[in-house]
Amino acid sequence: MYNYQKIDIHVHTLNGNGIKRMGTNTTYATPEQLLVMYKKLGIQKGVILPSVNVECADRTQSNEDVIDIVRKYPDQFYFGTDICSPEHDMKLSFWLDEAVNNKRISLDSYKKVCRDNALELLNA
């Protein structure tokens, strides 16, 4: 029998509940609420993608917000990126380069986002 690691590869979360999402009667789950759900479902890690579309959320989320969550829960969450998609206007790879160069994120965090997370996911 195989024992694969379960990873939620696309999740949005915010520190604290906001107003209800447009068109639904729900809010994004907090990181703590996600961890409770993950435990019930046997999910080991989540990949957080920053929420940047005001059309589908009550507020946007900065990259720094995601970094704060990943710092608080480094074993449960990854910082997800869309840097592989050239049609996206958000140049997250350049933001990450600038953030590490200006010491807003550590070199270790930078490596995890840019390479180590991908390798771990592929080898999981």
Protein backbone atom coordinates (compact mmCIF):
# COMPACT_ATOMS: atom_id res chain seq x y z
CA MET A 1 0.00 0.00 0.00
CA TYR A 2 1.28 3.45 -0.91
CA ASN A 3 1.60 6.19 1.68
CA TYR A 4 1.60 9.41 -0.31
CA GLN A 5 1.77 12.84 1.25
CA LYS A 6 -1.38 14.90 0.64
CA ILE A 7 -0.77 18.51 -0.36
CA ASP A 8 -3.44 21.13 -1.03
CA ILE A 9 -1.87 22.74 -4.09
CA HIS A 10 -4.07 25.86 -4.31
CA VAL A 11 -5.47 27.58 -1.24
CA HIS A 12 -6.33 31.15 -0.24
CA THR A 13 -6.32 32.13 3.41
CA LEU A 14 -6.28 35.32 5.41
CA ASN A 15 -5.26 36.18 8.96
CA GLY A 16 -8.73 36.80 10.38
CA ASN A 17 -12.11 36.54 8.72
CA GLY A 18 -13.20 39.33 6.42
CA ILE A 19 -16.62 40.22 5.11
CA LYS A 20 -18.51 37.62 3.10
CA ARG A 21 -17.11 36.84 -0.35
CA MET A 22 -19.10 38.20 -3.28
CA GLY A 23 -21.70 35.75 -4.53
CA THR A 24 -21.30 33.43 -1.56
CA ASN A 25 -22.08 33.36 2.11
CA THR A 26 -18.53 32.41 3.06
CA THR A 27 -15.18 33.94 3.95
CA TYR A 28 -11.74 32.52 3.39
CA ALA A 29 -10.71 30.17 6.19
CA THR A 30 -7.98 31.41 8.52
CA PRO A 31 -4.71 29.43 8.60
CA GLU A 32 -5.80 27.94 11.93
CA GLN A 33 -9.16 26.85 10.48
CA LEU A 34 -7.39 25.30 7.49
CA LEU A 35 -5.09 23.32 9.77
CA VAL A 36 -8.11 21.84 11.56
CA MET A 37 -9.62 20.85 8.19
CA TYR A 38 -6.28 19.48 6.99
CA LYS A 39 -5.95 17.30 10.08
CA LYS A 40 -9.41 15.80 9.48
CA LEU A 41 -8.60 15.15 5.81
CA GLY A 42 -5.04 13.92 6.32
CA ILE A 43 -3.51 16.82 4.39
CA GLN A 44 0.07 17.58 5.41
CA LYS A 45 0.68 20.93 3.68
CA GLY A 46 -1.07 23.72 1.82
CA VAL A 47 0.26 25.93 -0.96
CA ILE A 48 -0.97 29.49 -0.34
CA LEU A 49 -1.47 31.67 -3.38
CA PRO A 50 -1.84 35.40 -2.66
CA SER A 51 -5.38 36.62 -3.25
CA VAL A 52 -5.06 39.52 -5.64
CA ASN A 53 -8.38 39.64 -7.55
CA VAL A 54 -10.80 42.10 -6.01
CA GLU A 55 -13.53 40.56 -8.17
CA CYS A 56 -13.66 37.42 -6.04
CA ALA A 57 -12.56 38.55 -2.58
CA ASP A 58 -13.49 41.23 -0.08
CA ARG A 59 -9.86 42.26 0.21
CA THR A 60 -6.62 41.51 -1.51
CA GLN A 61 -3.64 39.92 0.17
CA SER A 62 -0.08 41.12 -0.06
CA ASN A 63 2.89 38.88 -0.57
CA GLU A 64 4.02 39.96 2.90
CA ASP A 65 0.76 38.60 4.37
CA VAL A 66 1.50 35.18 2.89
CA ILE A 67 5.12 35.33 4.09
CA ASP A 68 3.86 36.04 7.64
CA ILE A 69 1.64 32.95 7.53
CA VAL A 70 4.42 30.75 6.13
CA ARG A 71 6.82 32.03 8.80
CA LYS A 72 4.26 31.22 11.51
CA TYR A 73 3.55 27.74 10.10
CA PRO A 74 6.65 26.73 8.10
CA ASP A 75 5.91 23.01 8.28
CA GLN A 76 2.29 23.34 7.18
CA PHE A 77 2.28 25.95 4.40
CA TYR A 78 4.24 26.81 1.28
CA PHE A 79 4.23 30.15 -0.53
CA GLY A 80 2.74 29.42 -3.94
CA THR A 81 3.60 31.36 -7.05
CA ASP A 82 2.35 31.69 -10.59
CA ILE A 83 5.78 32.62 -11.93
CA CYS A 84 5.69 29.83 -14.50
CA SER A 85 2.87 31.48 -16.40
CA PRO A 86 4.15 34.25 -18.71
CA GLU A 87 0.68 35.68 -19.32
CA HIS A 88 0.37 36.87 -15.71
CA ASP A 89 1.05 40.55 -15.21
CA MET A 90 2.19 40.07 -11.61
CA LYS A 91 5.91 39.54 -11.80
CA LEU A 92 6.29 37.71 -8.51
CA SER A 93 9.72 36.40 -9.41
CA PHE A 94 11.03 39.98 -9.61
CA TRP A 95 9.30 40.88 -6.34
CA LEU A 96 11.01 37.92 -4.66
CA ASP A 97 14.40 38.94 -6.04
CA GLU A 98 13.92 42.46 -4.70
CA ALA A 99 12.61 41.22 -1.34
CA VAL A 100 15.63 39.03 -0.66
CA ASN A 101 18.07 41.69 -1.89
CA ASN A 102 16.47 44.27 0.44
CA LYS A 103 16.38 41.74 3.32
CA ARG A 104 12.56 41.76 3.59
CA ILE A 105 12.69 37.96 3.36
CA SER A 106 15.53 35.67 4.28
CA LEU A 107 17.68 33.84 1.76
CA ASP A 108 16.31 30.59 3.21
CA SER A 109 12.71 31.71 2.54
CA TYR A 110 13.70 32.82 -0.95
CA LYS A 111 15.24 29.44 -1.74
CA LYS A 112 12.17 27.63 -0.41
CA VAL A 113 9.81 29.65 -2.58
CA CYS A 114 11.93 29.57 -5.70
CA ARG A 115 13.33 26.06 -5.68
CA ASP A 116 13.22 23.95 -2.55
CA ASN A 117 9.41 23.82 -2.28
CA ALA A 118 9.14 22.65 -5.89
CA LEU A 119 11.75 19.95 -5.37
CA GLU A 120 10.05 18.76 -2.19
CA LEU A 121 6.66 18.69 -3.90
CA LEU A 122 8.04 16.74 -6.84
CA ASN A 123 9.79 14.25 -4.58
CA ALA A 124 6.86 13.86 -2.15
